[in-house]
Amino acid sequence: MSQRSEPEPYDVITMGRIGVDLYPLRTGVPLAKVDVFGKFLGGSATNVAVGAARLGRRSAVITRTGADAFGDYLHDALRDFGVDDRWVTPVHGLPTPVTFCEIFPPDDFPLWFYRQPKAPDLELHQHELDLPAIRSARVFWVTGTGLSEEPSRSTTLAALAHRDRAGITVFDLDWRPMFWRDPDAARSYYHQALTAATVAVGNLDECEIATGERDPLTAARALLEAGAELAVVKQGPKGVLALHRDGTRADVPPVPVAVVNGLGAGDAFGGALCHGLLAGWDLERVMRYANAAGAIVAARLACSTAMPYPAEVDQVLSGGPVPRSPTPPPQAPAPQPDPFAPTAQLGETSRGVVDPADSAHTADPAGTAHLAQPADPPQLSPSATPQAKAPPPKATPATPAVPAGPAASATPVAPAAATGTEAPTGDRPSRASSAPVPPSQDSPGDEDYTGDQNRSGDQDCPGGPRAPSTERPEGPGGRP
């Protein structure tokens, strides 16, 4: 009788947030005037699994959705990306989280989060965990948000305890104060997670919450003292600092890129970090690879569908241009044409510097809340900016094609289509132009974009019956 073989261990298992991101398909337009949205897979831990899968790693995610149509969509999207969804289960009575954003390149991407009355991904229970799979995974990735509320908190700590520092165990500090009922209690839970992790990743704000230290080198040393073997400190415009317990250190600068949407770069960094650590590369090579992956996603509209393939990262590392549309390897299904890829008609985009290590999430156009008949992509001329006193034509809703990801659709979602010519309302300052431009066209002018922005679609409202929360970046290098 033949012996029963053990199941093949996963390269990467992540545990944490998931949701649906509804992002504008036009840049430079206030949310109140957006008429066409793209629907994307979102959630930091989920997008890290997608990023690793794009780089050839066998990935899975542990999370929960609502028992609704959006939950069904997320299952379909995960399968399309090659991420195992066996541990993605429904929670009856709680809706799948939804997130909206505005896109004002190169560094302004406000987010609106809807996680009421509680996000299903915080309803993770210990008895539902596949502990042998968690123990055997080559990389296990958890986040700070998973510690923000029970039962997810106890379940996350239990998973870490069972893993017992096996393999590569990553704690993404992922500080989101609006998700915590008692933010002052966070440090003690962070300390418990750090004692069980071998790798700690966070920006300066997150390191300060975890250790009380804000100086990059001091914070990195504090993370090592707390239990990590490798500390990765993201510093916005100064790049990323990585420090290993054996004394190895890497200081890597950011990658120059024309930013479209900085919300997804941090997840791409995370997926590439997993890939590089699994490959056994030296520390500096891992950090440079992760930086390049993040820069590529910052040059695209969203996150999950924007995650790069290995050849694209290699192209950037070799000094080539940052590719604006995903280019899958020959054996993968060819992507449909991207209507938002830059062309000669669009002219030059603004040049900025992104620190993909400290940016964060969501994806390229993958559908919308309602379906409409397909329409041709909008045709733009070099004079897309509205002329004074000339009534501009209304924007034509487009059916954007999505490269190598879930099928795309687009539709007007408002009784009146926005023209993009009106001055922004409310407290938003006037922009140089709010013309209907494709997401690949940045705002005019040169700015240094640091990539240290909010994470994307997975940061929704905290638990409890509260109004939707809005999170805005604090400017270059700032992230709440």
Protein backbone atom coordinates (compact mmCIF):
# COMPACT_ATOMS: atom_id res chain seq x y z
CA MET A 1 0.00 0.00 0.00
CA SER A 2 1.43 3.35 -1.00
CA GLN A 3 1.88 5.98 1.67
CA ARG A 4 -0.38 9.01 1.55
CA SER A 5 1.68 12.00 0.46
CA GLU A 6 1.58 15.26 2.36
CA PRO A 7 -0.03 18.19 0.52
CA GLU A 8 2.37 20.55 -1.21
CA PRO A 9 3.00 23.56 1.08
CA TYR A 10 2.01 26.99 -0.15
CA ASP A 11 4.69 29.51 -0.98
CA VAL A 12 2.63 32.34 0.51
CA ILE A 13 -0.44 32.42 2.76
CA THR A 14 -1.74 35.84 3.76
CA MET A 15 -4.39 36.58 6.36
CA GLY A 16 -6.40 39.78 6.58
CA ARG A 17 -8.55 42.23 4.69
CA ILE A 18 -10.52 41.85 1.49
CA GLY A 19 -13.10 44.05 -0.22
CA VAL A 20 -14.35 45.62 -3.42
CA ASP A 21 -12.75 48.83 -4.64
CA LEU A 22 -14.91 51.12 -6.77
CA TYR A 23 -12.45 53.51 -8.37
CA PRO A 24 -13.06 56.36 -10.82
CA LEU A 25 -12.00 55.69 -14.38
CA ARG A 26 -11.14 59.38 -14.76
CA THR A 27 -8.38 61.26 -12.98
CA GLY A 28 -8.59 64.79 -11.67
CA VAL A 29 -12.35 64.64 -11.05
CA PRO A 30 -13.99 64.99 -7.60
CA LEU A 31 -15.92 61.92 -6.54
CA ALA A 32 -19.21 63.83 -6.60
CA LYS A 33 -18.76 64.36 -10.35
CA VAL A 34 -17.45 60.92 -11.34
CA ASP A 35 -19.87 59.05 -13.61
CA VAL A 36 -17.94 55.84 -14.40
CA PHE A 37 -16.26 53.54 -11.89
CA GLY A 38 -14.13 50.41 -12.16
CA LYS A 39 -14.74 47.47 -9.83
CA PHE A 40 -11.63 45.78 -8.43
CA LEU A 41 -10.47 43.22 -5.93
CA GLY A 42 -9.06 45.06 -2.90
CA GLY A 43 -7.58 44.46 0.54
CA SER A 44 -3.94 44.68 1.60
CA ALA A 45 -3.34 41.07 2.61
CA THR A 46 -5.32 39.86 -0.39
CA ASN A 47 -3.39 42.03 -2.82
CA VAL A 48 -0.07 40.83 -1.40
CA ALA A 49 -1.18 37.27 -2.26
CA VAL A 50 -2.07 38.44 -5.78
CA GLY A 51 1.30 40.16 -6.14
CA ALA A 52 3.14 37.00 -5.12
CA ALA A 53 1.01 34.90 -7.49
CA ARG A 54 1.85 37.21 -10.41
CA LEU A 55 5.52 36.51 -9.69
CA GLY A 56 4.93 32.78 -9.91
CA ARG A 57 4.34 31.89 -6.27
CA ARG A 58 1.64 29.48 -5.08
CA SER A 59 -0.52 31.74 -2.94
CA ALA A 60 -3.65 31.63 -0.80
CA VAL A 61 -5.51 34.06 1.45
CA ILE A 62 -7.40 33.55 4.70
CA THR A 63 -10.25 36.05 4.96
CA ARG A 64 -14.04 36.42 4.87
CA THR A 65 -16.59 38.23 2.72
CA GLY A 66 -20.29 38.93 2.91
CA ALA A 67 -22.70 36.29 1.59
CA ASP A 68 -23.59 38.55 -1.33
CA ALA A 69 -22.87 39.30 -4.97
CA PHE A 70 -19.73 41.27 -4.15
CA GLY A 71 -18.47 38.26 -2.21
CA ASP A 72 -19.08 36.09 -5.28
CA TYR A 73 -17.17 38.60 -7.38
CA LEU A 74 -14.16 38.44 -5.04
CA HIS A 75 -14.05 34.64 -5.28
CA ASP A 76 -14.09 34.86 -9.08
CA ALA A 77 -11.36 37.51 -9.07
CA LEU A 78 -9.10 35.50 -6.75
CA ARG A 79 -9.40 32.44 -9.00
CA ASP A 80 -8.66 34.53 -12.08
CA PHE A 81 -5.46 35.76 -10.39
CA GLY A 82 -4.42 32.24 -9.43
CA VAL A 83 -4.88 32.77 -5.69
CA ASP A 84 -6.41 29.85 -3.78
CA ASP A 85 -9.74 30.93 -2.23
CA ARG A 86 -10.50 27.79 -0.20
CA TRP A 87 -10.17 29.74 3.07
CA VAL A 88 -12.36 32.64 1.95
CA THR A 89 -15.71 32.04 3.62
CA PRO A 90 -18.97 34.02 3.82
CA VAL A 91 -20.41 35.77 6.86
CA HIS A 92 -24.19 35.96 6.73
CA GLY A 93 -25.63 39.29 7.81
CA LEU A 94 -22.51 41.38 7.10
CA PRO A 95 -21.98 43.03 3.70
CA THR A 96 -18.76 42.75 1.75
CA PRO A 97 -16.79 45.98 2.32
CA VAL A 98 -16.72 48.60 -0.43
CA THR A 99 -14.27 51.48 -0.88
CA PHE A 100 -14.30 54.58 -3.09
CA CYS A 101 -11.42 56.92 -3.89
CA GLU A 102 -10.53 60.04 -5.83
CA ILE A 103 -7.49 60.12 -8.10
CA PHE A 104 -5.50 63.34 -8.24
CA PRO A 105 -1.97 62.37 -9.29
CA PRO A 106 0.72 62.44 -8.24
CA ASP A 107 0.03 62.38 -4.51
CA ASP A 108 -3.61 62.99 -3.58
CA PHE A 109 -5.86 59.90 -3.38
CA PRO A 110 -8.58 60.35 -0.73
CA LEU A 111 -10.44 57.20 0.31
CA TRP A 112 -13.97 56.54 1.56
CA PHE A 113 -14.35 53.26 3.49
CA TYR A 114 -17.56 51.33 4.10
CA ARG A 115 -17.19 48.52 6.66
CA GLN A 116 -20.45 48.78 8.58
CA PRO A 117 -21.65 47.42 10.88
CA LYS A 118 -18.48 45.29 10.89
CA ALA A 119 -16.17 43.95 8.20
CA PRO A 120 -16.53 40.21 7.59
CA ASP A 121 -12.72 39.88 7.49
CA LEU A 122 -12.68 40.67 11.21
CA GLU A 123 -14.92 37.65 11.86
CA LEU A 124 -12.07 35.13 11.63
CA HIS A 125 -12.36 32.33 14.23
CA GLN A 126 -9.64 30.05 15.55
CA HIS A 127 -11.57 26.83 14.98
CA GLU A 128 -11.80 27.62 11.26
CA LEU A 129 -8.04 27.84 10.74
CA ASP A 130 -6.16 25.19 8.77
CA LEU A 131 -3.25 25.16 11.22
CA PRO A 132 -1.16 22.51 9.40
CA ALA A 133 -1.27 24.59 6.21
CA ILE A 134 -0.34 27.75 8.11
CA ARG A 135 2.53 25.94 9.80
CA SER A 136 3.91 24.51 6.55
CA ALA A 137 3.60 27.63 4.36
CA ARG A 138 6.97 29.01 3.33
CA VAL A 139 5.71 32.56 3.99
CA PHE A 140 2.87 33.47 6.36
CA TRP A 141 1.78 37.14 6.27
CA VAL A 142 -0.44 38.89 8.84
CA THR A 143 -1.35 42.55 9.34
CA GLY A 144 -1.86 45.03 12.14
CA THR A 145 -5.49 45.57 11.18
CA GLY A 146 -6.11 41.92 11.96
CA LEU A 147 -5.32 42.79 15.59
CA SER A 148 -7.78 45.69 15.75
CA GLU A 149 -10.88 43.76 16.82
CA GLU A 150 -12.07 40.39 18.08
CA PRO A 151 -12.32 37.62 17.08
CA SER A 152 -9.74 38.42 14.40
CA ARG A 153 -7.23 39.56 17.04
CA SER A 154 -7.19 36.29 18.99
CA THR A 155 -7.27 34.27 15.77
CA THR A 156 -4.29 36.12 14.31
CA LEU A 157 -2.24 35.67 17.47
CA ALA A 158 -3.25 31.99 17.65
CA ALA A 159 -2.12 31.44 14.07
CA LEU A 160 1.22 33.08 14.84
CA ALA A 161 1.65 30.99 17.98
CA HIS A 162 0.95 27.75 16.13
CA ARG A 163 3.37 28.68 13.38
CA ASP A 164 6.02 29.20 16.08
CA ARG A 165 8.30 31.31 13.86
CA ALA A 166 8.54 28.60 11.21
CA GLY A 167 9.79 29.65 7.79
CA ILE A 168 9.29 33.33 6.96
CA THR A 169 6.62 34.89 9.18
CA VAL A 170 5.82 38.48 8.20
CA PHE A 171 4.05 41.03 10.38
CA ASP A 172 2.90 43.99 8.28
CA LEU A 173 2.51 46.75 10.90
CA ASP A 174 -0.35 48.23 8.83
CA TRP A 175 -1.46 50.93 11.29
CA ARG A 176 -4.98 52.22 10.60
CA PRO A 177 -6.20 54.11 13.69
CA MET A 178 -9.78 54.41 12.40
CA PHE A 179 -10.12 50.62 12.63
CA TRP A 180 -9.34 50.55 16.36
CA ARG A 181 -11.93 51.19 19.05
CA ASP A 182 -9.06 51.83 21.48
CA PRO A 183 -5.94 52.88 19.55
CA ASP A 184 -3.96 53.20 22.79
CA ALA A 185 -4.19 49.43 23.24
CA ALA A 186 -2.51 48.71 19.91
CA ARG A 187 1.12 48.65 21.06
CA SER A 188 0.70 45.72 23.42
CA TYR A 189 -0.91 43.61 20.68
CA TYR A 190 1.75 44.68 18.20
CA HIS A 191 4.40 43.56 20.67
CA GLN A 192 2.78 40.12 20.94
CA ALA A 193 2.79 39.77 17.15
CA LEU A 194 6.40 40.93 16.86
CA THR A 195 7.60 38.24 19.26
CA ALA A 196 6.13 35.63 16.88
CA ALA A 197 7.31 37.20 13.59
CA THR A 198 10.61 36.84 11.76
CA VAL A 199 10.04 39.86 9.48
CA ALA A 200 8.49 43.23 10.38
CA VAL A 201 7.46 45.74 7.67
CA GLY A 202 6.15 49.26 8.18
CA ASN A 203 6.54 52.97 7.53
CA LEU A 204 7.79 55.44 10.12
CA ASP A 205 4.34 56.12 11.58
CA GLU A 206 3.70 52.40 11.93
CA CYS A 207 7.12 51.78 13.45
CA GLU A 208 6.45 54.50 15.99
CA ILE A 209 3.17 52.84 17.02
CA ALA A 210 4.91 49.48 17.36
CA THR A 211 8.11 50.60 19.09
CA GLY A 212 7.79 54.22 20.20
CA GLU A 213 10.72 55.10 17.93
CA ARG A 214 10.62 57.29 14.83
CA ASP A 215 14.25 57.49 13.75
CA PRO A 216 14.54 54.86 10.99
CA LEU A 217 17.64 53.07 12.26
CA THR A 218 16.54 53.24 15.89
CA ALA A 219 13.10 51.93 14.94
CA ALA A 220 14.63 49.08 12.92
CA ARG A 221 16.78 48.07 15.87
CA ALA A 222 13.75 48.22 18.17
CA LEU A 223 11.84 45.88 15.85
CA LEU A 224 14.74 43.43 15.99
CA GLU A 225 14.86 43.67 19.76
CA ALA A 226 11.11 42.90 19.87
CA GLY A 227 11.72 39.61 18.09
CA ALA A 228 11.99 40.13 14.34
CA GLU A 229 15.02 38.87 12.45
CA LEU A 230 14.54 41.35 9.59
CA ALA A 231 13.16 44.88 9.91
CA VAL A 232 11.99 46.79 6.81
CA VAL A 233 11.40 50.51 7.44
CA LYS A 234 9.78 52.52 4.64
CA GLN A 235 10.84 56.18 4.62
CA GLY A 236 8.87 57.86 1.86
CA PRO A 237 11.16 60.07 -0.26
CA LYS A 238 14.24 58.59 1.40
CA GLY A 239 13.47 55.09 0.16
CA VAL A 240 13.60 51.99 2.32
CA LEU A 241 15.93 50.79 5.09
CA ALA A 242 16.29 47.05 5.77
CA LEU A 243 18.26 45.75 8.73
CA HIS A 244 18.90 42.09 9.55
CA ARG A 245 19.75 40.69 12.95
CA ASP A 246 23.11 39.50 11.59
CA GLY A 247 24.08 43.13 10.91
CA THR A 248 23.37 43.15 7.17
CA ARG A 249 21.90 46.47 6.08
CA ALA A 250 20.42 47.79 2.84
CA ASP A 251 19.51 51.42 2.09
CA VAL A 252 17.63 51.60 -1.21
CA PRO A 253 16.39 54.82 -2.85
CA PRO A 254 12.94 55.16 -4.44
CA VAL A 255 12.34 54.51 -8.15
CA PRO A 256 11.45 57.50 -10.41
CA VAL A 257 8.02 57.04 -11.97
CA ALA A 258 5.17 59.07 -13.47
CA VAL A 259 2.47 58.36 -10.90
CA VAL A 260 -1.09 57.47 -11.85
CA ASN A 261 -2.36 56.08 -8.54
CA GLY A 262 -0.06 55.49 -5.58
CA LEU A 263 -2.54 53.45 -3.57
CA GLY A 264 -1.36 50.05 -4.77
CA ALA A 265 2.42 50.25 -4.62
CA GLY A 266 2.77 49.02 -1.03
CA ASP A 267 0.98 45.75 -1.80
CA ALA A 268 3.17 45.17 -4.84
CA PHE A 269 6.19 45.80 -2.62
CA GLY A 270 4.87 43.19 -0.20
CA GLY A 271 4.27 40.54 -2.84
CA ALA A 272 7.74 41.13 -4.31
CA LEU A 273 9.29 41.06 -0.83
CA CYS A 274 7.85 37.57 -0.32
CA HIS A 275 9.15 36.51 -3.73
CA GLY A 276 12.67 37.82 -3.11
CA LEU A 277 12.95 36.31 0.36
CA LEU A 278 11.78 32.94 -0.97
CA ALA A 279 14.38 33.16 -3.75
CA GLY A 280 17.13 33.55 -1.15
CA TRP A 281 18.52 36.75 -2.69
CA ASP A 282 20.80 39.09 -0.79
CA LEU A 283 19.06 41.84 1.15
CA GLU A 284 19.79 44.73 -1.20
CA ARG A 285 18.57 42.79 -4.23
CA VAL A 286 15.32 41.93 -2.44
CA MET A 287 14.69 45.59 -1.57
CA ARG A 288 15.48 46.84 -5.07
CA TYR A 289 13.20 44.23 -6.60
CA ALA A 290 10.35 45.15 -4.25
CA ASN A 291 10.85 48.87 -4.94
CA ALA A 292 10.68 48.27 -8.69
CA ALA A 293 7.47 46.22 -8.35
CA GLY A 294 5.86 49.00 -6.35
CA ALA A 295 6.88 51.66 -8.86
CA ILE A 296 5.21 49.71 -11.66
CA VAL A 297 1.89 49.58 -9.82
CA ALA A 298 2.10 53.30 -8.96
CA ALA A 299 2.18 53.95 -12.72
CA ARG A 300 -1.15 52.12 -13.19
CA LEU A 301 -4.70 52.81 -12.12
CA ALA A 302 -5.28 50.18 -9.47
CA CYS A 303 -3.62 47.34 -7.61
CA SER A 304 -4.57 43.70 -8.06
CA THR A 305 -4.84 43.80 -11.87
CA ALA A 306 -1.82 46.10 -11.97
CA MET A 307 0.53 43.68 -10.17
CA PRO A 308 3.67 43.16 -12.28
CA TYR A 309 5.03 40.04 -13.92
CA PRO A 310 8.70 39.07 -13.43
CA ALA A 311 9.82 40.34 -16.86
CA GLU A 312 8.34 43.76 -16.11
CA VAL A 313 10.26 44.07 -12.85
CA ASP A 314 13.44 42.93 -14.58
CA GLN A 315 12.90 45.60 -17.23
CA VAL A 316 12.77 48.37 -14.62
CA LEU A 317 15.76 46.99 -12.72
CA SER A 318 17.78 46.96 -15.95
CA GLY A 319 17.09 50.68 -16.45
CA GLY A 320 14.21 50.32 -18.86
CA PRO A 321 10.96 52.33 -18.75
CA VAL A 322 8.25 51.56 -16.24
CA PRO A 323 5.62 49.61 -18.24
CA ARG A 324 2.20 51.23 -18.07
CA SER A 325 0.12 48.14 -18.96
CA PRO A 326 0.68 44.59 -17.66
CA THR A 327 2.53 42.32 -20.06
CA PRO A 328 1.96 38.67 -19.11
CA PRO A 329 4.47 35.99 -20.07
CA PRO A 330 3.79 34.02 -23.28
CA GLN A 331 2.07 31.12 -21.51
CA ALA A 332 -0.41 33.43 -19.77
CA PRO A 333 -3.58 34.73 -21.47
CA ALA A 334 -2.80 37.89 -23.42
CA PRO A 335 -4.32 41.05 -21.91
CA GLN A 336 -6.87 43.07 -23.82
CA PRO A 337 -5.71 46.48 -25.07
CA ASP A 338 -5.57 49.05 -22.29
CA PRO A 339 -7.49 52.20 -23.35
CA PHE A 340 -5.71 54.14 -20.62
CA ALA A 341 -2.16 53.37 -21.74
CA PRO A 342 -0.27 56.56 -22.66
CA THR A 343 -0.10 57.50 -26.36
CA ALA A 344 1.54 60.26 -28.36
CA GLN A 345 -1.77 62.12 -28.31
CA LEU A 346 -1.69 62.49 -24.59
CA GLY A 347 1.61 64.32 -24.44
CA GLU A 348 4.02 64.20 -21.54
CA THR A 349 2.90 63.18 -18.08
CA SER A 350 4.22 64.70 -14.89
CA ARG A 351 7.36 63.12 -13.55
CA GLY A 352 7.55 62.25 -9.88
CA VAL A 353 9.44 59.98 -7.55
CA VAL A 354 7.56 57.15 -5.90
CA ASP A 355 8.66 55.14 -2.91
CA PRO A 356 6.62 52.04 -3.73
CA ALA A 357 7.68 50.54 -0.43
CA ASP A 358 5.52 52.97 1.43
CA SER A 359 2.58 53.28 -0.87
CA ALA A 360 -0.42 51.03 -0.85
CA HIS A 361 -3.41 49.40 -2.73
CA THR A 362 -6.15 48.44 -5.35
CA ALA A 363 -6.52 47.39 -9.09
CA ASP A 364 -6.93 48.20 -12.83
CA PRO A 365 -10.44 48.53 -14.39
CA ALA A 366 -12.35 45.33 -13.74
CA GLY A 367 -16.02 46.20 -13.89
CA THR A 368 -18.58 48.41 -12.20
CA ALA A 369 -21.65 48.33 -10.03
CA HIS A 370 -24.05 48.17 -13.01
CA LEU A 371 -23.60 46.87 -16.53
CA ALA A 372 -24.01 48.95 -19.67
CA GLN A 373 -23.69 48.35 -23.39
CA PRO A 374 -20.03 48.43 -24.46
CA ALA A 375 -18.83 51.77 -25.70
CA ASP A 376 -15.65 52.81 -27.45
CA PRO A 377 -12.93 54.31 -25.23
CA PRO A 378 -13.02 58.11 -25.14
CA GLN A 379 -10.90 59.72 -27.85
CA LEU A 380 -8.76 62.51 -26.47
CA SER A 381 -6.80 65.12 -28.32
CA PRO A 382 -3.72 67.00 -27.08
CA SER A 383 -6.05 69.83 -26.08
CA ALA A 384 -8.04 67.76 -23.63
CA THR A 385 -7.98 70.64 -21.19
CA PRO A 386 -11.25 72.63 -21.47
CA GLN A 387 -11.01 75.91 -23.34
CA ALA A 388 -12.29 79.04 -21.70
CA LYS A 389 -15.97 79.85 -22.38
CA ALA A 390 -16.38 76.84 -24.63
CA PRO A 391 -19.02 74.32 -23.53
CA PRO A 392 -17.18 71.01 -23.43
CA PRO A 393 -18.76 67.76 -24.64
CA LYS A 394 -19.85 65.31 -22.04
CA ALA A 395 -17.55 62.40 -21.32
CA THR A 396 -18.51 59.15 -23.03
CA PRO A 397 -18.66 56.19 -20.65
CA ALA A 398 -16.06 53.65 -21.61
CA THR A 399 -15.78 49.93 -21.40
CA PRO A 400 -12.16 49.63 -20.22
CA ALA A 401 -10.26 46.48 -21.09
CA VAL A 402 -8.43 44.88 -18.22
CA PRO A 403 -5.08 43.19 -18.72
CA ALA A 404 -4.83 39.64 -17.37
CA GLY A 405 -7.44 39.85 -14.67
CA PRO A 406 -11.19 39.69 -14.12
CA ALA A 407 -13.39 40.73 -17.02
CA ALA A 408 -14.11 44.42 -17.29
CA SER A 409 -17.23 46.49 -17.72
CA ALA A 410 -18.06 50.13 -17.19
CA THR A 411 -21.20 52.14 -16.76
CA PRO A 412 -22.49 55.55 -15.81
CA VAL A 413 -23.35 55.60 -12.11
CA ALA A 414 -25.15 58.90 -11.70
CA PRO A 415 -28.26 60.52 -13.12
CA ALA A 416 -26.13 63.14 -14.84
CA ALA A 417 -22.75 62.50 -16.41
CA ALA A 418 -19.92 64.68 -15.15
CA THR A 419 -18.15 66.72 -17.77
CA GLY A 420 -15.01 67.26 -15.75
CA THR A 421 -15.08 70.97 -16.56
CA GLU A 422 -16.74 72.36 -13.48
CA ALA A 423 -14.55 73.75 -10.73
CA PRO A 424 -14.15 71.31 -7.83
CA THR A 425 -16.70 71.91 -5.12
CA GLY A 426 -16.50 71.90 -1.35
CA ASP A 427 -13.16 72.40 0.36
CA ARG A 428 -11.08 70.91 -2.46
CA PRO A 429 -8.66 73.47 -3.92
CA SER A 430 -8.90 74.31 -7.57
CA ARG A 431 -6.92 72.00 -9.86
CA ALA A 432 -4.96 72.88 -12.97
CA SER A 433 -7.40 70.79 -14.94
CA SER A 434 -10.27 68.46 -14.17
CA ALA A 435 -10.73 67.39 -17.77
CA PRO A 436 -11.80 63.82 -18.46
CA VAL A 437 -8.40 62.25 -18.97
CA PRO A 438 -7.40 58.60 -18.91
CA PRO A 439 -5.91 57.34 -15.65
CA SER A 440 -2.50 57.09 -17.29
CA GLN A 441 -2.28 60.86 -17.69
CA ASP A 442 -0.89 62.59 -14.62
CA SER A 443 -1.51 66.11 -13.46
CA PRO A 444 0.56 68.81 -15.12
CA GLY A 445 3.71 69.96 -13.42
CA ASP A 446 6.62 68.24 -11.75
CA GLU A 447 6.35 67.00 -8.19
CA ASP A 448 8.24 64.53 -6.06
CA TYR A 449 5.80 61.78 -5.21
CA THR A 450 7.09 59.71 -2.35
CA GLY A 451 4.64 56.84 -2.49
CA ASP A 452 3.99 57.05 1.23
CA GLN A 453 0.23 57.11 0.88
CA ASN A 454 -2.81 55.40 2.34
CA ARG A 455 -3.42 51.81 1.43
CA SER A 456 -6.16 51.28 -1.06
CA GLY A 457 -9.59 49.73 -1.20
CA ASP A 458 -9.23 47.49 1.79
CA GLN A 459 -9.22 50.25 4.35
CA ASP A 460 -12.86 50.68 4.97
CA CYS A 461 -14.87 52.03 7.87
CA PRO A 462 -14.05 50.57 11.27
CA GLY A 463 -16.54 48.33 12.96
CA GLY A 464 -19.64 49.72 14.58
CA PRO A 465 -22.62 51.67 13.26
CA ARG A 466 -20.70 54.73 12.11
CA ALA A 467 -20.75 56.98 9.09
CA PRO A 468 -18.34 56.21 6.25
CA SER A 469 -14.87 57.51 7.10
CA THR A 470 -12.67 59.53 4.79
CA GLU A 471 -8.90 59.22 4.85
CA ARG A 472 -6.66 61.69 3.08
CA PRO A 473 -2.90 61.55 2.64
CA GLU A 474 -0.96 64.17 4.55
CA GLY A 475 0.87 65.24 1.41
CA PRO A 476 4.16 63.89 0.12
CA GLY A 477 5.47 61.22 2.43
CA GLY A 478 2.39 61.35 4.66
CA ARG A 479 0.13 58.46 5.49
CA PRO A 480 -2.35 58.41 8.40
